[in-house]
Amino acid sequence: QVQLVESGGGLVKPGGSLRLSCAASGFTFSSSIMRWYRQAPGKERELVAGITVTGDSTSYADSVRGRFTISRDNAKNTVYLQMNSLKPEDMAVYYCYAFGFGYQYWGQGTQVTVSS
């Protein structure tokens, strides 16, 4: 069955770094556009970053550009989100999202807490 399993979340101090991973299975990862979303308590889910199927193009929300980096390894069916210079406002549940022709899948999310 289809699975998107995020990992790497946790508690980090402001200014710190985390690397999220999302391991995919059950569908053709290498043909899927991948994105990371996040949702903070009381707020709508927002798009954080996206990457094309080959990884040759990426996009970012203005709030994270220059601090976060999305990447993918099609051989490992995994997408990553490197998060540097974390701020309290980055605290949220981070979700992995995959889509292609006729399908879209969500992961279960991983909590990122930024606090001193």
Protein backbone atom coordinates (compact mmCIF):
# COMPACT_ATOMS: atom_id res chain seq x y z
CA GLN A 1 0.00 0.00 0.00
CA VAL A 2 0.97 3.63 -0.37
CA GLN A 3 3.04 5.05 2.44
CA LEU A 4 4.71 8.37 3.09
CA VAL A 5 6.58 8.18 6.36
CA GLU A 6 8.09 11.37 7.75
CA SER A 7 10.84 11.39 10.33
CA GLY A 8 13.37 13.78 11.80
CA GLY A 9 11.10 16.11 13.71
CA GLY A 10 11.70 17.06 17.30
CA LEU A 11 12.58 19.83 19.70
CA VAL A 12 15.21 22.37 18.68
CA LYS A 13 16.29 25.74 20.02
CA PRO A 14 15.86 28.90 17.96
CA GLY A 15 18.69 29.13 15.47
CA GLY A 16 19.10 25.39 15.36
CA SER A 17 18.69 22.93 12.51
CA LEU A 18 16.70 19.82 11.70
CA ARG A 19 16.56 17.55 8.69
CA LEU A 20 13.23 15.98 7.87
CA SER A 21 12.97 12.86 5.75
CA CYS A 22 10.01 11.36 3.97
CA ALA A 23 10.30 7.77 2.81
CA ALA A 24 7.87 6.78 0.07
CA SER A 25 6.59 3.39 -0.99
CA GLY A 26 3.73 1.86 -2.92
CA PHE A 27 3.81 4.26 -5.86
CA THR A 28 6.25 5.57 -8.44
CA PHE A 29 8.18 8.10 -6.42
CA SER A 30 10.46 9.11 -9.27
CA SER A 31 7.46 10.29 -11.29
CA SER A 32 5.94 12.29 -8.45
CA ILE A 33 6.24 15.94 -7.64
CA MET A 34 7.03 16.22 -3.95
CA ARG A 35 6.17 18.95 -1.50
CA TRP A 36 6.44 19.75 2.18
CA TYR A 37 3.57 21.46 3.94
CA ARG A 38 3.21 22.55 7.53
CA GLN A 39 0.35 23.34 9.86
CA ALA A 40 0.64 25.26 13.08
CA PRO A 41 -2.09 25.12 15.76
CA GLY A 42 -5.05 27.24 14.76
CA LYS A 43 -3.67 27.95 11.32
CA GLU A 44 -4.29 26.59 7.84
CA ARG A 45 -1.91 24.14 6.26
CA GLU A 46 0.63 26.00 4.16
CA LEU A 47 3.02 25.02 1.40
CA VAL A 48 6.63 25.20 2.51
CA ALA A 49 8.66 23.82 -0.39
CA GLY A 50 8.33 21.81 -3.59
CA ILE A 51 10.62 19.90 -5.92
CA THR A 52 10.20 18.56 -9.43
CA VAL A 53 10.44 14.88 -10.32
CA THR A 54 14.10 15.14 -11.30
CA GLY A 55 15.02 17.58 -8.58
CA ASP A 56 16.19 20.18 -11.07
CA SER A 57 13.81 22.83 -9.83
CA THR A 58 12.70 23.82 -6.34
CA SER A 59 10.40 26.42 -4.88
CA TYR A 60 9.92 27.86 -1.41
CA ALA A 61 7.55 29.92 0.63
CA ASP A 62 8.86 33.41 1.23
CA SER A 63 8.98 32.72 4.96
CA VAL A 64 11.54 29.92 4.59
CA ARG A 65 13.50 30.86 1.47
CA GLY A 66 17.21 30.98 2.22
CA ARG A 67 16.82 28.88 5.37
CA PHE A 68 15.21 25.65 4.16
CA THR A 69 16.36 23.34 1.38
CA ILE A 70 14.28 20.61 -0.23
CA SER A 71 16.00 17.74 -1.99
CA ARG A 72 15.23 14.23 -3.15
CA ASP A 73 16.94 10.94 -3.79
CA ASN A 74 14.98 8.95 -6.32
CA ALA A 75 17.16 5.90 -5.75
CA LYS A 76 16.07 5.87 -2.11
CA ASN A 77 12.49 7.03 -2.71
CA THR A 78 13.06 9.77 -0.18
CA VAL A 79 12.55 13.51 -0.05
CA TYR A 80 14.28 15.72 2.49
CA LEU A 81 13.80 19.11 4.06
CA GLN A 82 16.89 20.67 5.58
CA MET A 83 15.81 23.39 7.97
CA ASN A 84 18.38 25.86 9.26
CA SER A 85 18.14 28.98 11.40
CA LEU A 86 14.85 27.76 12.83
CA LYS A 87 12.51 30.29 14.37
CA PRO A 88 9.66 29.85 16.85
CA GLU A 89 7.24 30.62 14.00
CA ASP A 90 8.50 27.52 12.18
CA MET A 91 6.95 25.34 14.86
CA ALA A 92 4.30 23.14 13.25
CA VAL A 93 3.46 19.66 12.10
CA TYR A 94 5.29 19.08 8.83
CA TYR A 95 3.68 16.92 6.16
CA CYS A 96 5.09 15.25 3.12
CA TYR A 97 2.92 15.34 -0.02
CA ALA A 98 3.23 13.50 -3.31
CA PHE A 99 1.22 14.00 -6.43
CA GLY A 100 1.14 13.00 -10.04
CA PHE A 101 -1.31 12.25 -12.78
CA GLY A 102 -4.47 11.08 -11.05
CA TYR A 103 -3.13 10.71 -7.54
CA GLN A 104 -2.07 12.57 -4.43
CA TYR A 105 -0.86 11.24 -1.13
CA TRP A 106 -0.16 12.70 2.31
CA GLY A 107 2.11 11.54 5.06
CA GLN A 108 1.05 11.42 8.70
CA GLY A 109 3.19 14.38 9.71
CA THR A 110 6.08 15.00 12.05
CA GLN A 111 6.14 17.59 14.82
CA VAL A 112 8.75 20.32 14.82
CA THR A 113 8.99 22.33 18.02
CA VAL A 114 11.22 25.40 18.21
CA SER A 115 11.68 26.60 21.74
CA SER A 116 14.38 27.66 24.11
